[in-house]
PDB file of N, CA and C in Angstrom:
ATOM      1  N   MET A   1     114.186  79.622  65.120  1.00  0.00           N
ATOM      2  CA  MET A   1     113.119  80.587  64.980  1.00  0.00           C
ATOM      3  C   MET A   1     112.033  80.055  64.043  1.00  0.00           C
ATOM      4  N   LEU A   2     112.425  79.390  62.956  1.00  0.00           N
ATOM      5  CA  LEU A   2     111.441  78.858  62.019  1.00  0.00           C
ATOM      6  C   LEU A   2     110.590  77.780  62.677  1.00  0.00           C
ATOM      7  N   LYS A   3     111.232  76.933  63.510  1.00  0.00           N
ATOM      8  CA  LYS A   3     110.495  75.886  64.208  1.00  0.00           C
ATOM      9  C   LYS A   3     109.419  76.501  65.108  1.00  0.00           C
ATOM     10  N   LYS A   4     109.787  77.540  65.855  1.00  0.00           N
ATOM     11  CA  LYS A   4     108.838  78.233  66.732  1.00  0.00           C
ATOM     12  C   LYS A   4     107.709  78.864  65.913  1.00  0.00           C
ATOM     13  N   PHE A   5     108.060  79.464  64.776  1.00  0.00           N
ATOM     14  CA  PHE A   5     107.054  80.064  63.896  1.00  0.00           C
ATOM     15  C   PHE A   5     106.066  78.999  63.425  1.00  0.00           C
ATOM     16  N   HIS A   6     106.561  77.832  63.027  1.00  0.00           N
ATOM     17  CA  HIS A   6     105.683  76.758  62.569  1.00  0.00           C
ATOM     18  C   HIS A   6     104.801  76.245  63.711  1.00  0.00           C
ATOM     19  N   GLN A   7     105.335  76.191  64.924  1.00  0.00           N
ATOM     20  CA  GLN A   7     104.523  75.792  66.080  1.00  0.00           C
ATOM     21  C   GLN A   7     103.398  76.801  66.305  1.00  0.00           C
ATOM     22  N   ASP A   8     103.718  78.088  66.198  1.00  0.00           N
ATOM     23  CA  ASP A   8     102.699  79.130  66.377  1.00  0.00           C
ATOM     24  C   ASP A   8     101.639  79.052  65.278  1.00  0.00           C
ATOM     25  N   CYS A   9     102.071  78.777  64.051  1.00  0.00           N
ATOM     26  CA  CYS A   9     101.108  78.612  62.945  1.00  0.00           C
ATOM     27  C   CYS A   9     100.159  77.458  63.247  1.00  0.00           C
ATOM     28  N   ALA A  10     100.709  76.325  63.713  1.00  0.00           N
ATOM     29  CA  ALA A  10      99.877  75.160  64.029  1.00  0.00           C
ATOM     30  C   ALA A  10      98.872  75.502  65.120  1.00  0.00           C
ATOM     31  N   ARG A  11      99.312  76.216  66.168  1.00  0.00           N
ATOM     32  CA  ARG A  11      98.402  76.602  67.259  1.00  0.00           C
ATOM     33  C   ARG A  11      97.294  77.527  66.765  1.00  0.00           C
ATOM     34  N   ALA A  12      97.635  78.364  65.800  1.00  0.00           N
ATOM     35  CA  ALA A  12      96.654  79.324  65.279  1.00  0.00           C
ATOM     36  C   ALA A  12      95.788  78.726  64.176  1.00  0.00           C
ATOM     37  N   GLY A  13      96.079  77.485  63.788  1.00  0.00           N
ATOM     38  CA  GLY A  13      95.289  76.848  62.735  1.00  0.00           C
ATOM     39  C   GLY A  13      95.639  77.357  61.342  1.00  0.00           C
ATOM     40  N   ILE A  14      96.838  77.903  61.198  1.00  0.00           N
ATOM     41  CA  ILE A  14      97.309  78.416  59.915  1.00  0.00           C
ATOM     42  C   ILE A  14      98.198  77.344  59.286  1.00  0.00           C
ATOM     43  N   PRO A  15      98.010  77.058  57.999  1.00  0.00           N
ATOM     44  CA  PRO A  15      98.887  76.074  57.364  1.00  0.00           C
ATOM     45  C   PRO A  15     100.357  76.487  57.483  1.00  0.00           C
ATOM     46  N   GLU A  16     101.236  75.496  57.608  1.00  0.00           N
ATOM     47  CA  GLU A  16     102.663  75.790  57.711  1.00  0.00           C
ATOM     48  C   GLU A  16     103.117  76.564  56.483  1.00  0.00           C
ATOM     49  N   ARG A  17     103.902  77.585  56.714  1.00  0.00           N
ATOM     50  CA  ARG A  17     104.383  78.433  55.622  1.00  0.00           C
ATOM     51  C   ARG A  17     105.727  79.023  55.995  1.00  0.00           C
ATOM     52  N   ARG A  18     106.377  79.618  55.007  1.00  0.00           N
ATOM     53  CA  ARG A  18     107.647  80.287  55.271  1.00  0.00           C
ATOM     54  C   ARG A  18     107.358  81.655  55.886  1.00  0.00           C
ATOM     55  N   GLN A  19     108.293  82.152  56.680  1.00  0.00           N
ATOM     56  CA  GLN A  19     108.114  83.488  57.262  1.00  0.00           C
ATOM     57  C   GLN A  19     108.030  84.536  56.156  1.00  0.00           C
ATOM     58  N   HIS A  20     108.776  84.335  55.084  1.00  0.00           N
ATOM     59  CA  HIS A  20     108.734  85.248  53.949  1.00  0.00           C
ATOM     60  C   HIS A  20     107.312  85.351  53.389  1.00  0.00           C
ATOM     61  N   ASP A  21     106.600  84.224  53.346  1.00  0.00           N
ATOM     62  CA  ASP A  21     105.223  84.235  52.838  1.00  0.00           C
ATOM     63  C   ASP A  21     104.322  85.094  53.711  1.00  0.00           C
ATOM     64  N   SER A  22     104.541  85.041  55.030  1.00  0.00           N
ATOM     65  CA  SER A  22     103.741  85.863  55.944  1.00  0.00           C
ATOM     66  C   SER A  22     104.032  87.344  55.741  1.00  0.00           C
ATOM     67  N   ARG A  23     105.286  87.673  55.557  1.00  0.00           N
ATOM     68  CA  ARG A  23     105.662  89.071  55.309  1.00  0.00           C
ATOM     69  C   ARG A  23     105.045  89.558  53.995  1.00  0.00           C
ATOM     70  N   ARG A  24     105.075  88.705  52.983  1.00  0.00           N
ATOM     71  CA  ARG A  24     104.494  89.058  51.685  1.00  0.00           C
ATOM     72  C   ARG A  24     102.982  89.277  51.809  1.00  0.00           C
ATOM     73  N   THR A  25     102.317  88.382  52.545  1.00  0.00           N
ATOM     74  CA  THR A  25     100.877  88.529  52.773  1.00  0.00           C
ATOM     75  C   THR A  25     100.590  89.837  53.494  1.00  0.00           C
ATOM     76  N   TRP A  26     101.385  90.126  54.530  1.00  0.00           N
ATOM     77  CA  TRP A  26     101.213  91.367  55.292  1.00  0.00           C
ATOM     78  C   TRP A  26     101.316  92.585  54.376  1.00  0.00           C
ATOM     79  N   LEU A  27     102.415  92.663  53.607  1.00  0.00           N
ATOM     80  CA  LEU A  27     102.622  93.825  52.748  1.00  0.00           C
ATOM     81  C   LEU A  27     101.522  93.954  51.706  1.00  0.00           C
ATOM     82  N   SER A  28     101.119  92.851  51.095  1.00  0.00           N
ATOM     83  CA  SER A  28     100.052  92.888  50.093  1.00  0.00           C
ATOM     84  C   SER A  28      98.745  93.370  50.708  1.00  0.00           C
ATOM     85  N   THR A  29      98.431  92.862  51.893  1.00  0.00           N
ATOM     86  CA  THR A  29      97.169  93.211  52.557  1.00  0.00           C
ATOM     87  C   THR A  29      97.131  94.682  52.953  1.00  0.00           C
ATOM     88  N   VAL A  30      98.195  95.177  53.579  1.00  0.00           N
ATOM     89  CA  VAL A  30      98.147  96.562  54.047  1.00  0.00           C
ATOM     90  C   VAL A  30      98.250  97.560  52.897  1.00  0.00           C
ATOM     91  N   LEU A  31      98.989  97.222  51.852  1.00  0.00           N
ATOM     92  CA  LEU A  31      99.036  98.127  50.699  1.00  0.00           C
ATOM     93  C   LEU A  31      97.674  98.170  50.006  1.00  0.00           C
ATOM     94  N   ALA A  32      97.001  97.022  49.905  1.00  0.00           N
ATOM     95  CA  ALA A  32      95.656  96.992  49.320  1.00  0.00           C
ATOM     96  C   ALA A  32      94.659  97.765  50.182  1.00  0.00           C
ATOM     97  N   ALA A  33      94.930  97.837  51.486  1.00  0.00           N
ATOM     98  CA  ALA A  33      94.042  98.552  52.416  1.00  0.00           C
ATOM     99  C   ALA A  33      94.357 100.046  52.481  1.00  0.00           C
ATOM    100  N   GLY A  34      95.353 100.490  51.706  1.00  0.00           N
ATOM    101  CA  GLY A  34      95.622 101.919  51.635  1.00  0.00           C
ATOM    102  C   GLY A  34      96.825 102.419  52.393  1.00  0.00           C
ATOM    103  N   ALA A  35      97.668 101.517  52.881  1.00  0.00           N
ATOM    104  CA  ALA A  35      98.843 101.962  53.634  1.00  0.00           C
ATOM    105  C   ALA A  35      99.840 102.654  52.712  1.00  0.00           C
ATOM    106  N   ASN A  36     100.568 103.584  53.273  1.00  0.00           N
ATOM    107  CA  ASN A  36     101.672 104.232  52.596  1.00  0.00           C
ATOM    108  C   ASN A  36     102.779 103.189  52.451  1.00  0.00           C
ATOM    109  N   GLU A  37     103.383 103.096  51.272  1.00  0.00           N
ATOM    110  CA  GLU A  37     104.408 102.082  51.023  1.00  0.00           C
ATOM    111  C   GLU A  37     105.589 102.202  51.995  1.00  0.00           C
ATOM    112  N   THR A  38     105.979 103.406  52.298  1.00  0.00           N
ATOM    113  CA  THR A  38     107.099 103.606  53.221  1.00  0.00           C
ATOM    114  C   THR A  38     106.778 103.045  54.599  1.00  0.00           C
ATOM    115  N   HIS A  39     105.576 103.344  55.114  1.00  0.00           N
ATOM    116  CA  HIS A  39     105.190 102.830  56.429  1.00  0.00           C
ATOM    117  C   HIS A  39     105.091 101.305  56.409  1.00  0.00           C
ATOM    118  N   ALA A  40     104.509 100.756  55.349  1.00  0.00           N
ATOM    119  CA  ALA A  40     104.360  99.299  55.262  1.00  0.00           C
ATOM    120  C   ALA A  40     105.723  98.618  55.276  1.00  0.00           C
ATOM    121  N   LYS A  41     106.686  99.169  54.558  1.00  0.00           N
ATOM    122  CA  LYS A  41     108.031  98.587  54.546  1.00  0.00           C
ATOM    123  C   LYS A  41     108.688  98.698  55.916  1.00  0.00           C
ATOM    124  N   TRP A  42     108.499  99.812  56.598  1.00  0.00           N
ATOM    125  CA  TRP A  42     109.082  99.990  57.940  1.00  0.00           C
ATOM    126  C   TRP A  42     108.528  98.951  58.901  1.00  0.00           C
ATOM    127  N   ILE A  43     107.218  98.715  58.819  1.00  0.00           N
ATOM    128  CA  ILE A  43     106.597  97.757  59.737  1.00  0.00           C
ATOM    129  C   ILE A  43     107.114  96.349  59.451  1.00  0.00           C
ATOM    130  N   ALA A  44     107.301  96.014  58.180  1.00  0.00           N
ATOM    131  CA  ALA A  44     107.732  94.665  57.814  1.00  0.00           C
ATOM    132  C   ALA A  44     109.235  94.460  57.932  1.00  0.00           C
ATOM    133  N   HIS A  45     110.026  95.486  57.639  1.00  0.00           N
ATOM    134  CA  HIS A  45     111.468  95.305  57.553  1.00  0.00           C
ATOM    135  C   HIS A  45     112.292  96.244  58.420  1.00  0.00           C
ATOM    136  N   GLY A  46     111.733  97.327  58.903  1.00  0.00           N
ATOM    137  CA  GLY A  46     112.524  98.333  59.604  1.00  0.00           C
ATOM    138  C   GLY A  46     113.199  99.254  58.588  1.00  0.00           C
ATOM    139  N   PRO A  47     114.071 100.138  59.052  1.00  0.00           N
ATOM    140  CA  PRO A  47     114.705 101.089  58.136  1.00  0.00           C
ATOM    141  C   PRO A  47     115.641 100.391  57.151  1.00  0.00           C
ATOM    142  N   ARG A  48     115.799 100.991  55.987  1.00  0.00           N
ATOM    143  CA  ARG A  48     116.698 100.439  54.967  1.00  0.00           C
ATOM    144  C   ARG A  48     118.141 100.479  55.469  1.00  0.00           C
ATOM    145  N   PRO A  49     118.937  99.494  55.075  1.00  0.00           N
ATOM    146  CA  PRO A  49     120.331  99.457  55.529  1.00  0.00           C
ATOM    147  C   PRO A  49     121.219 100.425  54.732  1.00  0.00           C
ATOM    148  N   THR A  50     120.985 101.692  54.944  1.00  0.00           N
ATOM    149  CA  THR A  50     121.798 102.724  54.310  1.00  0.00           C
ATOM    150  C   THR A  50     122.345 103.611  55.414  1.00  0.00           C
ATOM    151  N   VAL A  51     123.228 104.514  55.056  1.00  0.00           N
ATOM    152  CA  VAL A  51     123.746 105.456  56.053  1.00  0.00           C
ATOM    153  C   VAL A  51     122.586 106.255  56.631  1.00  0.00           C
ATOM    154  N   LEU A  52     121.711 106.763  55.780  1.00  0.00           N
ATOM    155  CA  LEU A  52     120.569 107.545  56.254  1.00  0.00           C
ATOM    156  C   LEU A  52     119.651 106.678  57.107  1.00  0.00           C
ATOM    157  N   GLY A  53     119.381 105.439  56.645  1.00  0.00           N
ATOM    158  CA  GLY A  53     118.505 104.536  57.384  1.00  0.00           C
ATOM    159  C   GLY A  53     119.013 104.241  58.781  1.00  0.00           C
ATOM    160  N   GLY A  54     120.335 104.235  58.946  1.00  0.00           N
ATOM    161  CA  GLY A  54     120.921 103.985  60.253  1.00  0.00           C
ATOM    162  C   GLY A  54     120.651 105.086  61.261  1.00  0.00           C
ATOM    163  N   TYR A  55     120.288 106.265  60.790  1.00  0.00           N
ATOM    164  CA  TYR A  55     120.026 107.404  61.677  1.00  0.00           C
ATOM    165  C   TYR A  55     118.541 107.686  61.861  1.00  0.00           C
ATOM    166  N   LEU A  56     117.715 106.963  61.139  1.00  0.00           N
ATOM    167  CA  LEU A  56     116.277 107.207  61.216  1.00  0.00           C
ATOM    168  C   LEU A  56     115.614 106.277  62.221  1.00  0.00           C
ATOM    169  N   SER A  57     114.572 106.766  62.839  1.00  0.00           N
ATOM    170  CA  SER A  57     113.722 105.899  63.648  1.00  0.00           C
ATOM    171  C   SER A  57     112.299 106.428  63.543  1.00  0.00           C
ATOM    172  N   MET A  58     111.408 105.528  63.210  1.00  0.00           N
ATOM    173  CA  MET A  58     109.997 105.872  63.093  1.00  0.00           C
ATOM    174  C   MET A  58     109.367 105.597  64.450  1.00  0.00           C
ATOM    175  N   PRO A  59     108.700 106.571  65.047  1.00  0.00           N
ATOM    176  CA  PRO A  59     108.071 106.319  66.360  1.00  0.00           C
ATOM    177  C   PRO A  59     107.077 105.161  66.273  1.00  0.00           C
ATOM    178  N   TRP A  60     107.130 104.283  67.256  1.00  0.00           N
ATOM    179  CA  TRP A  60     106.233 103.133  67.292  1.00  0.00           C
ATOM    180  C   TRP A  60     104.778 103.597  67.249  1.00  0.00           C
ATOM    181  N   SER A  61     104.471 104.699  67.907  1.00  0.00           N
ATOM    182  CA  SER A  61     103.093 105.203  67.912  1.00  0.00           C
ATOM    183  C   SER A  61     102.636 105.561  66.494  1.00  0.00           C
ATOM    184  N   THR A  62     103.540 106.055  65.650  1.00  0.00           N
ATOM    185  CA  THR A  62     103.200 106.370  64.263  1.00  0.00           C
ATOM    186  C   THR A  62     102.856 105.095  63.501  1.00  0.00           C
ATOM    187  N   LEU A  63     103.684 104.068  63.658  1.00  0.00           N
ATOM    188  CA  LEU A  63     103.424 102.809  62.959  1.00  0.00           C
ATOM    189  C   LEU A  63     102.128 102.166  63.443  1.00  0.00           C
ATOM    190  N   CYS A  64     101.858 102.224  64.740  1.00  0.00           N
ATOM    191  CA  CYS A  64     100.609 101.679  65.284  1.00  0.00           C
ATOM    192  C   CYS A  64      99.405 102.439  64.738  1.00  0.00           C
ATOM    193  N   ALA A  65      99.524 103.762  64.635  1.00  0.00           N
ATOM    194  CA  ALA A  65      98.431 104.579  64.100  1.00  0.00           C
ATOM    195  C   ALA A  65      98.171 104.239  62.634  1.00  0.00           C
ATOM    196  N   VAL A  66      99.232 103.969  61.880  1.00  0.00           N
ATOM    197  CA  VAL A  66      99.079 103.577  60.476  1.00  0.00           C
ATOM    198  C   VAL A  66      98.271 102.289  60.387  1.00  0.00           C
ATOM    199  N   VAL A  67      98.643 101.286  61.175  1.00  0.00           N
ATOM    200  CA  VAL A  67      97.938 100.004  61.140  1.00  0.00           C
ATOM    201  C   VAL A  67      96.498 100.170  61.620  1.00  0.00           C
ATOM    202  N   ALA A  68      96.297 100.930  62.682  1.00  0.00           N
ATOM    203  CA  ALA A  68      94.949 101.125  63.232  1.00  0.00           C
ATOM    204  C   ALA A  68      94.026 101.832  62.233  1.00  0.00           C
ATOM    205  N   GLY A  69      94.593 102.675  61.381  1.00  0.00           N
ATOM    206  CA  GLY A  69      93.779 103.421  60.431  1.00  0.00           C
ATOM    207  C   GLY A  69      93.459 102.694  59.145  1.00  0.00           C
ATOM    208  N   LEU A  70      93.987 101.482  58.969  1.00  0.00           N
ATOM    209  CA  LEU A  70      93.741 100.732  57.732  1.00  0.00           C
ATOM    210  C   LEU A  70      92.363 100.089  57.747  1.00  0.00           C
ATOM    211  N   LYS A  71      91.792  99.947  56.580  1.00  0.00           N
ATOM    212  CA  LYS A  71      90.511  99.256  56.438  1.00  0.00           C
ATOM    213  C   LYS A  71      90.801  97.811  56.037  1.00  0.00           C
ATOM    214  N   LEU A  72      91.217  97.030  57.042  1.00  0.00           N
ATOM    215  CA  LEU A  72      91.584  95.635  56.810  1.00  0.00           C
ATOM    216  C   LEU A  72      90.347  94.749  56.824  1.00  0.00           C
ATOM    217  N   PRO A  73      90.406  93.601  56.143  1.00  0.00           N
ATOM    218  CA  PRO A  73      89.270  92.673  56.177  1.00  0.00           C
ATOM    219  C   PRO A  73      89.003  92.213  57.609  1.00  0.00           C
ATOM    220  N   GLU A  74      87.754  91.936  57.899  1.00  0.00           N
ATOM    221  CA  GLU A  74      87.394  91.457  59.240  1.00  0.00           C
ATOM    222  C   GLU A  74      88.071  90.116  59.507  1.00  0.00           C
ATOM    223  N   PRO A  75      88.747  90.001  60.648  1.00  0.00           N
ATOM    224  CA  PRO A  75      89.378  88.713  60.977  1.00  0.00           C
ATOM    225  C   PRO A  75      88.336  87.693  61.395  1.00  0.00           C
ATOM    226  N   GLU A  76      88.722  86.441  61.315  1.00  0.00           N
ATOM    227  CA  GLU A  76      87.866  85.371  61.791  1.00  0.00           C
ATOM    228  C   GLU A  76      87.684  85.556  63.289  1.00  0.00           C
ATOM    229  N   LYS A  77      86.484  85.339  63.787  1.00  0.00           N
ATOM    230  CA  LYS A  77      86.174  85.579  65.201  1.00  0.00           C
ATOM    231  C   LYS A  77      86.554  84.379  66.061  1.00  0.00           C
ATOM    232  N   ARG A  78      87.846  84.284  66.379  1.00  0.00           N
ATOM    233  CA  ARG A  78      88.299  83.244  67.299  1.00  0.00           C
ATOM    234  C   ARG A  78      89.545  83.748  68.008  1.00  0.00           C
ATOM    235  N   VAL A  79      89.757  83.256  69.193  1.00  0.00           N
ATOM    236  CA  VAL A  79      90.904  83.628  69.995  1.00  0.00           C
ATOM    237  C   VAL A  79      91.849  82.443  70.054  1.00  0.00           C
ATOM    238  N   VAL A  80      93.106  82.705  69.791  1.00  0.00           N
ATOM    239  CA  VAL A  80      94.121  81.650  69.870  1.00  0.00           C
ATOM    240  C   VAL A  80      95.090  82.049  70.979  1.00  0.00           C
ATOM    241  N   ARG A  81      95.216  81.191  71.963  1.00  0.00           N
ATOM    242  CA  ARG A  81      96.123  81.447  73.082  1.00  0.00           C
ATOM    243  C   ARG A  81      97.514  80.919  72.721  1.00  0.00           C
ATOM    244  N   LEU A  82      98.488  81.787  72.721  1.00  0.00           N
ATOM    245  CA  LEU A  82      99.875  81.407  72.466  1.00  0.00           C
ATOM    246  C   LEU A  82     100.629  81.445  73.799  1.00  0.00           C
ATOM    247  N   PRO A  83     101.615  80.578  73.960  1.00  0.00           N
ATOM    248  CA  PRO A  83     102.336  80.546  75.233  1.00  0.00           C
ATOM    249  C   PRO A  83     103.100  81.844  75.466  1.00  0.00           C
ATOM    250  N   GLN A  84     103.202  82.226  76.739  1.00  0.00           N
ATOM    251  CA  GLN A  84     103.954  83.405  77.127  1.00  0.00           C
ATOM    252  C   GLN A  84     105.433  83.090  77.073  1.00  0.00           C
ATOM    253  N   ARG A  85     106.226  84.089  76.749  1.00  0.00           N
ATOM    254  CA  ARG A  85     107.676  83.907  76.802  1.00  0.00           C
ATOM    255  C   ARG A  85     108.118  83.830  78.249  1.00  0.00           C
ATOM    256  N   ALA A  86     109.129  83.019  78.486  1.00  0.00           N
ATOM    257  CA  ALA A  86     109.638  82.872  79.858  1.00  0.00           C
ATOM    258  C   ALA A  86     110.508  84.035  80.225  1.00  0.00           C
TER     259      ALA A  86
END
């Protein structure tokens, strides 16, 4: 999985990094943009591994709405084509 991640980073022109670094960047960016900490953690990690967490599920539409409502920095204007999964 890490090898594939590094290949995708190279295709996207992103310096090679650990997956943990990407998750950290994601959480820092969305929290700075005003995301609720609970939603940000769900998007990055899923539910906590507790008895209660095992019974919870956050609707995907809720998580998408959270991300769509953030005031994130404008991305660089370029399209990177990644290979389709077989």
